Amino acid sequence: MSKKSLPRIHALALLLLLSLLPQFTFASTPPDKMLEATTQDMIHALQDRHQAIQQDHRVLYSLIENILLPHIDIITSSRMVLGKYWRQASKKQKLRFIHAFRNLLVRFYSSALAEYLSDHKINSNFITFLPLRESLQQKRLTVHAEVHPPKGEKVAVSYRMRNSRKGWRGYDVAVAGISIISTYRTSFASEIKQKGLERFIASIEKHNQALLHAVEQRAAD
């Protein structure tokens, strides 16, 4: 698998992770079964809206924002990705970062997913979930799966899940052993060291605005 294709697989894996529909959010539902049961629904939705997604990436934005993103533990993800800098941040900075990081994930991965869909069709056998290896009594566990791209060998995917009051929620995805959280944490730590936390958060907010403007301009054209 090439490095170029990794963000696309990450996007697909993340989107499938996000596809935890309300009827499956009860804590009593095993996380692997929850993911497996909703994957087919997500695949069908992507197939049905394939043309609309290619014409306007905001279709994916809306899908993730209104239906999928509420089932991600974005606070845990934000805390982990900031690492030691989370403890140094003020309450206002934490809230700003959570919002900025949330938007960054939505815009980056929806764009990567749209790019993938422009070249490939997703079939019902795209992903296979493996039997759960850990006890459901744990507050956190990992769900393992295998993604089967149209070309090349299968790719290992791991979903890190946390059992909250609202049920099992995802906070990280690792594709071929590469964690989204770890990747961002390394990159962000370097930027924070150079810019300071306040300037770093402002730079993400500015970047998000630029991405949004580019998508709106493309839709207008």
N, C-alpha and C. Protein backbone atom coordinates (compact mmCIF):
# COMPACT_ATOMS: atom_id res chain seq x y z
N MET A 1 0.84 -1.19 0.00
CA MET A 1 0.00 0.00 0.00
C MET A 1 0.87 1.24 0.00
N SER A 2 0.61 2.17 -0.89
CA SER A 2 1.43 3.37 -0.99
C SER A 2 1.08 4.36 0.11
N LYS A 3 2.03 5.27 0.42
CA LYS A 3 1.78 6.29 1.43
C LYS A 3 0.66 7.22 0.99
N LYS A 4 0.55 7.43 -0.33
CA LYS A 4 -0.48 8.31 -0.84
C LYS A 4 -1.88 7.77 -0.56
N SER A 5 -2.03 6.45 -0.59
CA SER A 5 -3.34 5.86 -0.40
C SER A 5 -3.74 5.76 1.06
N LEU A 6 -2.78 5.94 1.97
CA LEU A 6 -3.06 5.77 3.40
C LEU A 6 -4.11 6.75 3.91
N PRO A 7 -4.02 8.07 3.57
CA PRO A 7 -5.08 8.97 4.04
C PRO A 7 -6.46 8.57 3.55
N ARG A 8 -6.54 8.02 2.35
CA ARG A 8 -7.83 7.59 1.82
C ARG A 8 -8.39 6.43 2.64
N ILE A 9 -7.54 5.45 2.95
CA ILE A 9 -7.98 4.32 3.77
C ILE A 9 -8.34 4.82 5.16
N HIS A 10 -7.54 5.75 5.70
CA HIS A 10 -7.85 6.34 6.99
C HIS A 10 -9.24 6.98 6.94
N ALA A 11 -9.53 7.69 5.87
CA ALA A 11 -10.81 8.37 5.75
C ALA A 11 -11.96 7.38 5.74
N LEU A 12 -11.81 6.32 4.97
CA LEU A 12 -12.84 5.30 4.92
C LEU A 12 -13.02 4.62 6.26
N ALA A 13 -11.91 4.30 6.91
CA ALA A 13 -11.98 3.65 8.21
C ALA A 13 -12.64 4.56 9.23
N LEU A 14 -12.27 5.84 9.20
CA LEU A 14 -12.85 6.80 10.12
C LEU A 14 -14.34 6.96 9.87
N LEU A 15 -14.72 7.04 8.63
CA LEU A 15 -16.13 7.24 8.32
C LEU A 15 -16.95 6.04 8.76
N LEU A 16 -16.40 4.84 8.58
CA LEU A 16 -17.09 3.65 9.04
C LEU A 16 -17.17 3.64 10.57
N LEU A 17 -16.14 4.13 11.22
CA LEU A 17 -16.16 4.26 12.67
C LEU A 17 -17.24 5.24 13.10
N LEU A 18 -17.41 6.30 12.35
CA LEU A 18 -18.39 7.32 12.69
C LEU A 18 -19.82 6.84 12.48
N SER A 19 -20.00 5.73 11.76
CA SER A 19 -21.33 5.30 11.37
C SER A 19 -22.02 4.52 12.48
N LEU A 20 -22.09 5.11 13.66
CA LEU A 20 -22.76 4.49 14.79
C LEU A 20 -24.12 5.16 14.94
N LEU A 21 -25.14 4.59 14.34
CA LEU A 21 -26.45 5.21 14.33
C LEU A 21 -27.10 5.14 15.71
N PRO A 22 -28.05 6.02 16.02
CA PRO A 22 -28.60 6.12 17.36
C PRO A 22 -29.10 4.81 17.95
N GLN A 23 -29.70 3.92 17.16
CA GLN A 23 -30.26 2.71 17.72
C GLN A 23 -29.19 1.75 18.24
N PHE A 24 -27.92 2.03 17.96
CA PHE A 24 -26.86 1.14 18.40
C PHE A 24 -25.97 1.77 19.47
N THR A 25 -26.41 2.84 20.08
CA THR A 25 -25.53 3.54 21.00
C THR A 25 -25.67 3.09 22.45
N PHE A 26 -26.46 2.07 22.74
CA PHE A 26 -26.61 1.60 24.10
C PHE A 26 -25.35 0.88 24.56
N ALA A 27 -25.01 1.09 25.83
CA ALA A 27 -23.78 0.51 26.37
C ALA A 27 -23.81 -1.01 26.33
N SER A 28 -25.00 -1.61 26.32
CA SER A 28 -25.10 -3.07 26.34
C SER A 28 -24.76 -3.70 24.99
N THR A 29 -24.70 -2.90 23.94
CA THR A 29 -24.39 -3.42 22.61
C THR A 29 -22.88 -3.53 22.44
N PRO A 30 -22.34 -4.74 22.18
CA PRO A 30 -20.89 -4.88 21.99
C PRO A 30 -20.40 -3.98 20.87
N PRO A 31 -19.27 -3.33 21.04
CA PRO A 31 -18.79 -2.36 20.05
C PRO A 31 -18.49 -2.99 18.69
N ASP A 32 -18.02 -4.24 18.67
CA ASP A 32 -17.72 -4.87 17.38
C ASP A 32 -19.00 -5.13 16.60
N LYS A 33 -20.05 -5.57 17.30
CA LYS A 33 -21.33 -5.83 16.64
C LYS A 33 -21.98 -4.53 16.19
N MET A 34 -21.79 -3.49 16.99
CA MET A 34 -22.33 -2.19 16.64
C MET A 34 -21.71 -1.68 15.34
N LEU A 35 -20.38 -1.77 15.25
CA LEU A 35 -19.68 -1.34 14.04
C LEU A 35 -20.08 -2.20 12.84
N GLU A 36 -20.12 -3.49 13.05
CA GLU A 36 -20.44 -4.40 11.95
C GLU A 36 -21.85 -4.19 11.42
N ALA A 37 -22.81 -3.97 12.33
CA ALA A 37 -24.21 -3.83 11.94
C ALA A 37 -24.46 -2.56 11.14
N THR A 38 -23.69 -1.52 11.41
CA THR A 38 -23.94 -0.24 10.74
C THR A 38 -23.10 -0.02 9.49
N THR A 39 -22.09 -0.84 9.29
CA THR A 39 -21.20 -0.65 8.14
C THR A 39 -21.96 -0.76 6.82
N GLN A 40 -22.83 -1.75 6.70
CA GLN A 40 -23.57 -1.92 5.46
C GLN A 40 -24.47 -0.73 5.17
N ASP A 41 -25.06 -0.16 6.22
CA ASP A 41 -25.89 1.04 6.03
C ASP A 41 -25.06 2.20 5.49
N MET A 42 -23.84 2.35 6.03
CA MET A 42 -22.98 3.44 5.57
C MET A 42 -22.54 3.23 4.13
N ILE A 43 -22.18 1.99 3.81
CA ILE A 43 -21.76 1.69 2.44
C ILE A 43 -22.88 1.99 1.46
N HIS A 44 -24.10 1.61 1.81
CA HIS A 44 -25.25 1.87 0.93
C HIS A 44 -25.48 3.37 0.77
N ALA A 45 -25.30 4.12 1.86
CA ALA A 45 -25.48 5.57 1.79
C ALA A 45 -24.45 6.21 0.87
N LEU A 46 -23.20 5.74 0.96
CA LEU A 46 -22.14 6.26 0.09
C LEU A 46 -22.42 5.92 -1.38
N GLN A 47 -22.93 4.73 -1.61
CA GLN A 47 -23.26 4.32 -2.98
C GLN A 47 -24.41 5.16 -3.53
N ASP A 48 -25.43 5.37 -2.71
CA ASP A 48 -26.61 6.11 -3.15
C ASP A 48 -26.30 7.57 -3.45
N ARG A 49 -25.35 8.16 -2.69
CA ARG A 49 -25.06 9.58 -2.83
C ARG A 49 -23.73 9.83 -3.52
N HIS A 50 -23.27 8.84 -4.23
CA HIS A 50 -21.96 8.91 -4.88
C HIS A 50 -21.85 10.14 -5.78
N GLN A 51 -22.81 10.35 -6.64
CA GLN A 51 -22.76 11.46 -7.59
C GLN A 51 -22.83 12.80 -6.88
N ALA A 52 -23.70 12.90 -5.90
CA ALA A 52 -23.84 14.16 -5.16
C ALA A 52 -22.56 14.52 -4.42
N ILE A 53 -21.87 13.52 -3.89
CA ILE A 53 -20.62 13.75 -3.17
C ILE A 53 -19.56 14.30 -4.11
N GLN A 54 -19.50 13.75 -5.32
CA GLN A 54 -18.51 14.21 -6.28
C GLN A 54 -18.77 15.64 -6.74
N GLN A 55 -20.02 16.03 -6.78
CA GLN A 55 -20.37 17.38 -7.21
C GLN A 55 -20.16 18.41 -6.11
N ASP A 56 -20.32 17.99 -4.87
CA ASP A 56 -20.22 18.94 -3.75
C ASP A 56 -19.77 18.19 -2.50
N HIS A 57 -18.54 18.46 -2.06
CA HIS A 57 -18.00 17.77 -0.88
C HIS A 57 -18.77 18.14 0.40
N ARG A 58 -19.55 19.21 0.34
CA ARG A 58 -20.33 19.59 1.52
C ARG A 58 -21.40 18.56 1.84
N VAL A 59 -21.72 17.71 0.88
CA VAL A 59 -22.65 16.61 1.16
C VAL A 59 -22.07 15.70 2.23
N LEU A 60 -20.77 15.43 2.13
CA LEU A 60 -20.10 14.62 3.15
C LEU A 60 -20.00 15.37 4.46
N TYR A 61 -19.71 16.68 4.40
CA TYR A 61 -19.64 17.49 5.61
C TYR A 61 -20.95 17.34 6.39
N SER A 62 -22.05 17.51 5.68
CA SER A 62 -23.35 17.45 6.32
C SER A 62 -23.61 16.08 6.92
N LEU A 63 -23.22 15.04 6.17
CA LEU A 63 -23.42 13.67 6.64
C LEU A 63 -22.69 13.43 7.95
N ILE A 64 -21.43 13.85 7.99
CA ILE A 64 -20.61 13.63 9.18
C ILE A 64 -21.08 14.51 10.34
N GLU A 65 -21.34 15.77 10.05
CA GLU A 65 -21.71 16.72 11.10
C GLU A 65 -23.01 16.33 11.79
N ASN A 66 -24.04 16.03 11.01
CA ASN A 66 -25.38 15.88 11.56
C ASN A 66 -25.72 14.47 12.04
N ILE A 67 -25.08 13.46 11.45
CA ILE A 67 -25.46 12.09 11.77
C ILE A 67 -24.35 11.32 12.47
N LEU A 68 -23.11 11.51 12.03
CA LEU A 68 -22.03 10.63 12.46
C LEU A 68 -21.17 11.16 13.59
N LEU A 69 -20.77 12.41 13.49
CA LEU A 69 -19.79 12.94 14.44
C LEU A 69 -20.23 12.89 15.90
N PRO A 70 -21.51 13.00 16.21
CA PRO A 70 -21.91 12.92 17.62
C PRO A 70 -21.51 11.62 18.32
N HIS A 71 -21.15 10.61 17.56
CA HIS A 71 -20.81 9.31 18.14
C HIS A 71 -19.31 9.10 18.27
N ILE A 72 -18.56 10.18 18.07
CA ILE A 72 -17.11 10.15 18.31
C ILE A 72 -16.83 10.87 19.63
N ASP A 73 -15.96 10.32 20.43
CA ASP A 73 -15.57 10.94 21.70
C ASP A 73 -14.49 11.99 21.40
N ILE A 74 -14.93 13.13 20.90
CA ILE A 74 -14.01 14.16 20.43
C ILE A 74 -13.23 14.80 21.58
N ILE A 75 -13.81 14.80 22.78
CA ILE A 75 -13.09 15.38 23.92
C ILE A 75 -11.90 14.51 24.28
N THR A 76 -12.11 13.19 24.34
CA THR A 76 -11.00 12.28 24.62
C THR A 76 -9.94 12.37 23.53
N SER A 77 -10.38 12.42 22.28
CA SER A 77 -9.44 12.53 21.16
C SER A 77 -8.63 13.81 21.27
N SER A 78 -9.29 14.91 21.59
CA SER A 78 -8.61 16.21 21.69
C SER A 78 -7.60 16.20 22.83
N ARG A 79 -7.99 15.64 23.96
CA ARG A 79 -7.09 15.58 25.11
C ARG A 79 -5.86 14.75 24.80
N MET A 80 -6.06 13.63 24.12
CA MET A 80 -4.94 12.75 23.80
C MET A 80 -4.02 13.38 22.76
N VAL A 81 -4.59 14.06 21.80
CA VAL A 81 -3.77 14.59 20.71
C VAL A 81 -2.94 15.79 21.18
N LEU A 82 -3.43 16.53 22.17
CA LEU A 82 -2.66 17.64 22.70
C LEU A 82 -1.61 17.17 23.71
N GLY A 83 -1.84 16.00 24.31
CA GLY A 83 -0.87 15.45 25.25
C GLY A 83 -0.62 16.38 26.43
N LYS A 84 0.63 16.66 26.73
CA LYS A 84 0.98 17.49 27.89
C LYS A 84 0.47 18.91 27.76
N TYR A 85 0.24 19.36 26.53
CA TYR A 85 -0.23 20.74 26.33
C TYR A 85 -1.69 20.92 26.75
N TRP A 86 -2.43 19.81 26.85
CA TRP A 86 -3.81 19.89 27.32
C TRP A 86 -3.85 20.44 28.75
N ARG A 87 -2.92 19.99 29.59
CA ARG A 87 -2.88 20.43 30.99
C ARG A 87 -2.48 21.90 31.10
N GLN A 88 -1.77 22.39 30.11
CA GLN A 88 -1.32 23.78 30.13
C GLN A 88 -2.36 24.75 29.57
N ALA A 89 -3.31 24.21 28.83
CA ALA A 89 -4.30 25.06 28.16
C ALA A 89 -5.35 25.58 29.13
N SER A 90 -5.82 26.78 28.88
CA SER A 90 -6.92 27.34 29.66
C SER A 90 -8.22 26.68 29.20
N LYS A 91 -9.28 26.88 29.95
CA LYS A 91 -10.58 26.30 29.57
C LYS A 91 -11.02 26.81 28.20
N LYS A 92 -10.82 28.11 27.97
CA LYS A 92 -11.20 28.69 26.68
C LYS A 92 -10.38 28.08 25.55
N GLN A 93 -9.09 27.89 25.76
CA GLN A 93 -8.24 27.29 24.74
C GLN A 93 -8.64 25.84 24.46
N LYS A 94 -9.01 25.11 25.50
CA LYS A 94 -9.45 23.73 25.32
C LYS A 94 -10.70 23.66 24.45
N LEU A 95 -11.65 24.53 24.74
CA LEU A 95 -12.89 24.55 23.97
C LEU A 95 -12.63 24.93 22.51
N ARG A 96 -11.77 25.92 22.33
CA ARG A 96 -11.42 26.33 20.96
C ARG A 96 -10.72 25.20 20.21
N PHE A 97 -9.82 24.50 20.89
CA PHE A 97 -9.10 23.42 20.22
C PHE A 97 -10.04 22.27 19.88
N ILE A 98 -10.92 21.90 20.81
CA ILE A 98 -11.88 20.82 20.53
C ILE A 98 -12.67 21.14 19.27
N HIS A 99 -13.16 22.37 19.19
CA HIS A 99 -13.95 22.78 18.03
C HIS A 99 -13.10 22.78 16.76
N ALA A 100 -11.88 23.31 16.86
CA ALA A 100 -11.00 23.38 15.69
C ALA A 100 -10.56 22.00 15.23
N PHE A 101 -10.22 21.13 16.17
CA PHE A 101 -9.78 19.79 15.82
C PHE A 101 -10.92 18.99 15.20
N ARG A 102 -12.10 19.16 15.74
CA ARG A 102 -13.30 18.52 15.20
C ARG A 102 -13.50 18.92 13.74
N ASN A 103 -13.44 20.22 13.48
CA ASN A 103 -13.62 20.71 12.11
C ASN A 103 -12.49 20.25 11.19
N LEU A 104 -11.28 20.20 11.72
CA LEU A 104 -10.14 19.75 10.92
C LEU A 104 -10.33 18.31 10.46
N LEU A 105 -10.77 17.45 11.38
CA LEU A 105 -11.00 16.05 11.02
C LEU A 105 -12.10 15.92 9.98
N VAL A 106 -13.19 16.64 10.19
CA VAL A 106 -14.32 16.57 9.24
C VAL A 106 -13.88 17.00 7.85
N ARG A 107 -13.21 18.12 7.75
CA ARG A 107 -12.86 18.65 6.44
C ARG A 107 -11.76 17.86 5.75
N PHE A 108 -10.73 17.46 6.50
CA PHE A 108 -9.63 16.72 5.88
C PHE A 108 -10.09 15.35 5.42
N TYR A 109 -10.76 14.62 6.29
CA TYR A 109 -11.12 13.25 5.94
C TYR A 109 -12.30 13.16 4.99
N SER A 110 -13.19 14.12 5.01
CA SER A 110 -14.26 14.10 4.02
C SER A 110 -13.69 14.37 2.64
N SER A 111 -12.68 15.24 2.56
CA SER A 111 -12.03 15.50 1.27
C SER A 111 -11.27 14.27 0.77
N ALA A 112 -10.56 13.61 1.70
CA ALA A 112 -9.83 12.40 1.32
C ALA A 112 -10.80 11.30 0.89
N LEU A 113 -11.93 11.20 1.58
CA LEU A 113 -12.92 10.19 1.23
C LEU A 113 -13.53 10.48 -0.12
N ALA A 114 -13.86 11.74 -0.38
CA ALA A 114 -14.43 12.11 -1.68
C ALA A 114 -13.46 11.80 -2.81
N GLU A 115 -12.18 12.03 -2.56
CA GLU A 115 -11.16 11.71 -3.57
C GLU A 115 -11.11 10.21 -3.83
N TYR A 116 -11.21 9.43 -2.76
CA TYR A 116 -11.21 7.96 -2.92
C TYR A 116 -12.42 7.52 -3.73
N LEU A 117 -13.58 8.08 -3.41
CA LEU A 117 -14.80 7.68 -4.09
C LEU A 117 -14.81 8.08 -5.56
N SER A 118 -13.99 9.08 -5.91
CA SER A 118 -13.92 9.49 -7.31
C SER A 118 -13.22 8.44 -8.17
N ASP A 119 -12.41 7.59 -7.52
CA ASP A 119 -11.65 6.57 -8.26
C ASP A 119 -12.15 5.15 -8.04
N HIS A 120 -12.90 4.93 -6.96
CA HIS A 120 -13.29 3.57 -6.60
C HIS A 120 -14.76 3.50 -6.20
N LYS A 121 -15.30 2.32 -6.36
CA LYS A 121 -16.62 1.99 -5.85
C LYS A 121 -16.45 1.15 -4.59
N ILE A 122 -17.29 1.39 -3.61
CA ILE A 122 -17.22 0.62 -2.37
C ILE A 122 -18.26 -0.49 -2.43
N ASN A 123 -17.83 -1.74 -2.23
CA ASN A 123 -18.78 -2.84 -2.22
C ASN A 123 -19.03 -3.30 -0.80
N SER A 124 -19.97 -4.22 -0.63
CA SER A 124 -20.39 -4.65 0.70
C SER A 124 -19.32 -5.43 1.43
N ASN A 125 -18.30 -5.91 0.71
CA ASN A 125 -17.22 -6.67 1.34
C ASN A 125 -15.99 -5.82 1.61
N PHE A 126 -16.17 -4.51 1.63
CA PHE A 126 -15.04 -3.61 1.77
C PHE A 126 -14.30 -3.82 3.09
N ILE A 127 -15.03 -4.10 4.17
CA ILE A 127 -14.41 -4.26 5.48
C ILE A 127 -14.98 -5.47 6.21
N THR A 128 -14.11 -6.19 6.90
CA THR A 128 -14.50 -7.36 7.68
C THR A 128 -14.08 -7.15 9.13
N PHE A 129 -15.02 -7.29 10.06
CA PHE A 129 -14.71 -7.14 11.47
C PHE A 129 -14.35 -8.49 12.07
N LEU A 130 -13.30 -8.49 12.88
CA LEU A 130 -12.80 -9.71 13.49
C LEU A 130 -13.43 -9.89 14.87
N PRO A 131 -13.44 -11.13 15.37
CA PRO A 131 -14.01 -11.38 16.71
C PRO A 131 -13.33 -10.54 17.78
N LEU A 132 -14.13 -10.08 18.73
CA LEU A 132 -13.62 -9.24 19.80
C LEU A 132 -12.63 -10.03 20.66
N ARG A 133 -11.49 -9.41 20.97
CA ARG A 133 -10.43 -10.09 21.72
C ARG A 133 -10.40 -9.69 23.19
N GLU A 134 -11.15 -8.67 23.57
CA GLU A 134 -11.06 -8.14 24.93
C GLU A 134 -12.41 -8.23 25.63
N SER A 135 -12.38 -8.11 26.95
CA SER A 135 -13.58 -8.20 27.77
C SER A 135 -14.42 -6.94 27.66
N LEU A 136 -15.74 -7.13 27.61
CA LEU A 136 -16.65 -6.00 27.55
C LEU A 136 -16.74 -5.28 28.90
N GLN A 137 -16.15 -5.84 29.93
CA GLN A 137 -16.16 -5.21 31.24
C GLN A 137 -15.18 -4.04 31.31
N GLN A 138 -14.28 -3.96 30.32
CA GLN A 138 -13.31 -2.87 30.30
C GLN A 138 -13.98 -1.58 29.85
N LYS A 139 -13.44 -0.47 30.34
CA LYS A 139 -13.95 0.83 29.92
C LYS A 139 -13.48 1.19 28.51
N ARG A 140 -12.30 0.65 28.13
CA ARG A 140 -11.77 0.90 26.80
C ARG A 140 -11.30 -0.41 26.19
N LEU A 141 -11.48 -0.52 24.91
CA LEU A 141 -11.01 -1.71 24.20
C LEU A 141 -10.79 -1.38 22.73
N THR A 142 -10.25 -2.34 22.01
CA THR A 142 -9.94 -2.15 20.59
C THR A 142 -10.71 -3.16 19.74
N VAL A 143 -11.35 -2.67 18.70
CA VAL A 143 -12.04 -3.52 17.74
C VAL A 143 -11.15 -3.62 16.50
N HIS A 144 -10.86 -4.85 16.08
CA HIS A 144 -9.98 -5.07 14.94
C HIS A 144 -10.80 -5.42 13.69
N ALA A 145 -10.29 -4.96 12.56
CA ALA A 145 -10.97 -5.22 11.29
C ALA A 145 -9.95 -5.29 10.17
N GLU A 146 -10.41 -5.72 9.01
CA GLU A 146 -9.57 -5.77 7.82
C GLU A 146 -10.29 -5.07 6.67
N VAL A 147 -9.60 -4.11 6.05
CA VAL A 147 -10.14 -3.41 4.89
C VAL A 147 -9.61 -4.07 3.63
N HIS A 148 -10.51 -4.26 2.67
CA HIS A 148 -10.14 -4.91 1.42
C HIS A 148 -10.26 -3.90 0.26
N PRO A 149 -9.17 -3.20 -0.04
CA PRO A 149 -9.20 -2.21 -1.12
C PRO A 149 -9.44 -2.89 -2.48
N PRO A 150 -9.90 -2.11 -3.48
CA PRO A 150 -10.10 -2.69 -4.81
C PRO A 150 -8.82 -3.29 -5.38
N LYS A 151 -7.68 -2.71 -5.01
CA LYS A 151 -6.40 -3.22 -5.49
C LYS A 151 -5.45 -3.39 -4.30
N GLY A 152 -4.61 -4.40 -4.37
CA GLY A 152 -3.62 -4.58 -3.32
C GLY A 152 -4.10 -5.50 -2.22
N GLU A 153 -3.25 -5.66 -1.21
CA GLU A 153 -3.54 -6.57 -0.12
C GLU A 153 -4.46 -5.92 0.91
N LYS A 154 -5.04 -6.76 1.75
CA LYS A 154 -5.91 -6.27 2.82
C LYS A 154 -5.10 -5.43 3.81
N VAL A 155 -5.77 -4.52 4.48
CA VAL A 155 -5.12 -3.59 5.40
C VAL A 155 -5.74 -3.75 6.79
N ALA A 156 -4.89 -3.87 7.81
CA ALA A 156 -5.37 -4.00 9.18
C ALA A 156 -5.84 -2.65 9.71
N VAL A 157 -7.00 -2.65 10.35
CA VAL A 157 -7.57 -1.44 10.93
C VAL A 157 -7.95 -1.74 12.38
N SER A 158 -7.63 -0.80 13.28
CA SER A 158 -7.98 -0.96 14.69
C SER A 158 -8.76 0.26 15.15
N TYR A 159 -9.92 0.02 15.76
CA TYR A 159 -10.75 1.09 16.30
C TYR A 159 -10.63 1.09 17.82
N ARG A 160 -10.21 2.19 18.39
CA ARG A 160 -10.13 2.31 19.84
C ARG A 160 -11.43 2.92 20.34
N MET A 161 -12.06 2.21 21.27
CA MET A 161 -13.39 2.57 21.73
C MET A 161 -13.41 2.81 23.23
N ARG A 162 -14.31 3.69 23.66
CA ARG A 162 -14.48 3.99 25.08
C ARG A 162 -15.96 3.86 25.44
N ASN A 163 -16.22 3.18 26.55
CA ASN A 163 -17.60 2.99 26.99
C ASN A 163 -18.01 4.16 27.88
N SER A 164 -18.83 5.04 27.36
CA SER A 164 -19.28 6.22 28.09
C SER A 164 -20.74 6.04 28.52
N ARG A 165 -21.28 7.07 29.13
CA ARG A 165 -22.69 7.02 29.54
C ARG A 165 -23.62 6.93 28.34
N LYS A 166 -23.12 7.34 27.19
CA LYS A 166 -23.93 7.29 25.97
C LYS A 166 -23.65 6.03 25.15
N GLY A 167 -22.89 5.10 25.72
CA GLY A 167 -22.55 3.88 25.00
C GLY A 167 -21.12 3.92 24.49
N TRP A 168 -20.78 2.96 23.66
CA TRP A 168 -19.43 2.88 23.11
C TRP A 168 -19.23 3.98 22.08
N ARG A 169 -18.13 4.71 22.24
CA ARG A 169 -17.81 5.78 21.31
C ARG A 169 -16.35 5.66 20.90
N GLY A 170 -16.05 5.97 19.65
CA GLY A 170 -14.70 5.85 19.14
C GLY A 170 -13.89 7.10 19.36
N TYR A 171 -12.59 6.93 19.63
CA TYR A 171 -11.73 8.10 19.80
C TYR A 171 -10.42 8.01 19.02
N ASP A 172 -10.16 6.88 18.36
CA ASP A 172 -8.94 6.77 17.55
C ASP A 172 -9.10 5.64 16.56
N VAL A 173 -8.42 5.77 15.44
CA VAL A 173 -8.36 4.73 14.42
C VAL A 173 -6.91 4.54 14.01
N ALA A 174 -6.47 3.30 13.92
CA ALA A 174 -5.13 3.01 13.44
C ALA A 174 -5.24 2.17 12.17
N VAL A 175 -4.58 2.60 11.12
CA VAL A 175 -4.57 1.89 9.85
C VAL A 175 -3.16 1.42 9.56
N ALA A 176 -3.01 0.12 9.36
CA ALA A 176 -1.68 -0.47 9.16
C ALA A 176 -0.73 -0.08 10.29
N GLY A 177 -1.28 -0.01 11.51
CA GLY A 177 -0.47 0.30 12.67
C GLY A 177 -0.23 1.78 12.90
N ILE A 178 -0.72 2.63 12.02
CA ILE A 178 -0.50 4.07 12.14
C ILE A 178 -1.75 4.73 12.74
N SER A 179 -1.60 5.28 13.94
CA SER A 179 -2.72 5.87 14.67
C SER A 179 -2.94 7.32 14.24
N ILE A 180 -4.21 7.67 14.07
CA ILE A 180 -4.55 9.05 13.75
C ILE A 180 -4.11 9.98 14.89
N ILE A 181 -4.43 9.58 16.12
CA ILE A 181 -4.10 10.40 17.27
C ILE A 181 -2.59 10.59 17.41
N SER A 182 -1.84 9.51 17.29
CA SER A 182 -0.38 9.59 17.43
C SER A 182 0.23 10.45 16.33
N THR A 183 -0.29 10.31 15.11
CA THR A 183 0.22 11.09 13.99
C THR A 183 0.00 12.59 14.21
N TYR A 184 -1.22 12.96 14.59
CA TYR A 184 -1.51 14.36 14.85
C TYR A 184 -0.75 14.88 16.07
N ARG A 185 -0.62 14.05 17.12
CA ARG A 185 0.06 14.51 18.33
C ARG A 185 1.52 14.87 18.04
N THR A 186 2.18 14.05 17.25
CA THR A 186 3.57 14.34 16.89
C THR A 186 3.68 15.63 16.09
N SER A 187 2.79 15.78 15.11
CA SER A 187 2.81 16.97 14.27
C SER A 187 2.46 18.23 15.07
N PHE A 188 1.42 18.13 15.90
CA PHE A 188 0.98 19.28 16.68
C PHE A 188 2.02 19.71 17.71
N ALA A 189 2.67 18.73 18.36
CA ALA A 189 3.67 19.06 19.37
C ALA A 189 4.80 19.89 18.79
N SER A 190 5.19 19.55 17.56
CA SER A 190 6.26 20.29 16.89
C SER A 190 5.82 21.72 16.61
N GLU A 191 4.57 21.89 16.17
CA GLU A 191 4.07 23.23 15.86
C GLU A 191 3.89 24.07 17.11
N ILE A 192 3.38 23.44 18.18
CA ILE A 192 3.17 24.17 19.43
C ILE A 192 4.49 24.65 20.00
N LYS A 193 5.50 23.82 19.88
CA LYS A 193 6.83 24.18 20.38
C LYS A 193 7.37 25.41 19.65
N GLN A 194 7.06 25.52 18.37
CA GLN A 194 7.53 26.65 17.57
C GLN A 194 6.69 27.91 17.76
N LYS A 195 5.36 27.73 17.80
CA LYS A 195 4.45 28.87 17.77
C LYS A 195 3.89 29.25 19.14
N GLY A 196 3.84 28.28 20.05
CA GLY A 196 3.10 28.50 21.28
C GLY A 196 1.66 28.03 21.08
N LEU A 197 0.97 27.69 22.15
CA LEU A 197 -0.36 27.10 22.06
C LEU A 197 -1.39 28.03 21.43
N GLU A 198 -1.38 29.29 21.83
CA GLU A 198 -2.39 30.22 21.33
C GLU A 198 -2.26 30.43 19.82
N ARG A 199 -1.07 30.66 19.33
CA ARG A 199 -0.87 30.85 17.89
C ARG A 199 -1.16 29.56 17.12
N PHE A 200 -0.87 28.43 17.73
CA PHE A 200 -1.13 27.15 17.08
C PHE A 200 -2.63 26.95 16.87
N ILE A 201 -3.42 27.18 17.90
CA ILE A 201 -4.87 27.02 17.77
C ILE A 201 -5.42 27.98 16.72
N ALA A 202 -4.92 29.20 16.73
CA ALA A 202 -5.36 30.20 15.75
C ALA A 202 -5.02 29.75 14.33
N SER A 203 -3.88 29.09 14.16
CA SER A 203 -3.47 28.63 12.83
C SER A 203 -4.38 27.52 12.33
N ILE A 204 -4.85 26.64 13.22
CA ILE A 204 -5.79 25.59 12.82
C ILE A 204 -7.13 26.22 12.42
N GLU A 205 -7.58 27.18 13.19
CA GLU A 205 -8.84 27.86 12.88
C GLU A 205 -8.76 28.53 11.50
N LYS A 206 -7.63 29.16 11.23
CA LYS A 206 -7.43 29.82 9.93
C LYS A 206 -7.39 28.79 8.81
N HIS A 207 -6.72 27.66 9.06
CA HIS A 207 -6.63 26.60 8.06
C HIS A 207 -8.01 26.02 7.75
N ASN A 208 -8.83 25.85 8.78
CA ASN A 208 -10.18 25.33 8.58
C ASN A 208 -11.00 26.28 7.71
N GLN A 209 -10.85 27.56 7.96
CA GLN A 209 -11.58 28.55 7.16
C GLN A 209 -11.15 28.50 5.69
N ALA A 210 -9.85 28.30 5.46
CA ALA A 210 -9.34 28.22 4.10
C ALA A 210 -9.88 26.98 3.39
N LEU A 211 -9.93 25.86 4.10
CA LEU A 211 -10.46 24.63 3.51
C LEU A 211 -11.94 24.79 3.16
N LEU A 212 -12.69 25.40 4.08
CA LEU A 212 -14.11 25.62 3.83
C LEU A 212 -14.33 26.53 2.64
N HIS A 213 -13.54 27.57 2.54
CA HIS A 213 -13.66 28.50 1.42
C HIS A 213 -13.36 27.79 0.10
N ALA A 214 -12.36 26.93 0.09
CA ALA A 214 -11.99 26.21 -1.13
C ALA A 214 -13.13 25.30 -1.58
N VAL A 215 -13.76 24.63 -0.63
CA VAL A 215 -14.88 23.74 -0.97
C VAL A 215 -16.07 24.54 -1.49
N GLU A 216 -16.36 25.66 -0.85
CA GLU A 216 -17.47 26.50 -1.30
C GLU A 216 -17.19 27.07 -2.69
N GLN A 217 -15.96 27.45 -2.95
CA GLN A 217 -15.58 27.97 -4.26
C GLN A 217 -15.73 26.91 -5.33
N ARG A 218 -15.33 25.67 -5.01
CA ARG A 218 -15.45 24.57 -5.96
C ARG A 218 -16.90 24.29 -6.28
N ALA A 219 -17.76 24.34 -5.25
CA ALA A 219 -19.18 24.09 -5.46
C ALA A 219 -19.79 25.20 -6.33
N ALA A 220 -19.34 26.44 -6.12
CA ALA A 220 -19.85 27.56 -6.90
C ALA A 220 -19.46 27.47 -8.36
N ASP A 221 -18.27 26.93 -8.62
CA ASP A 221 -17.79 26.79 -10.00
C ASP A 221 -18.54 25.68 -10.73
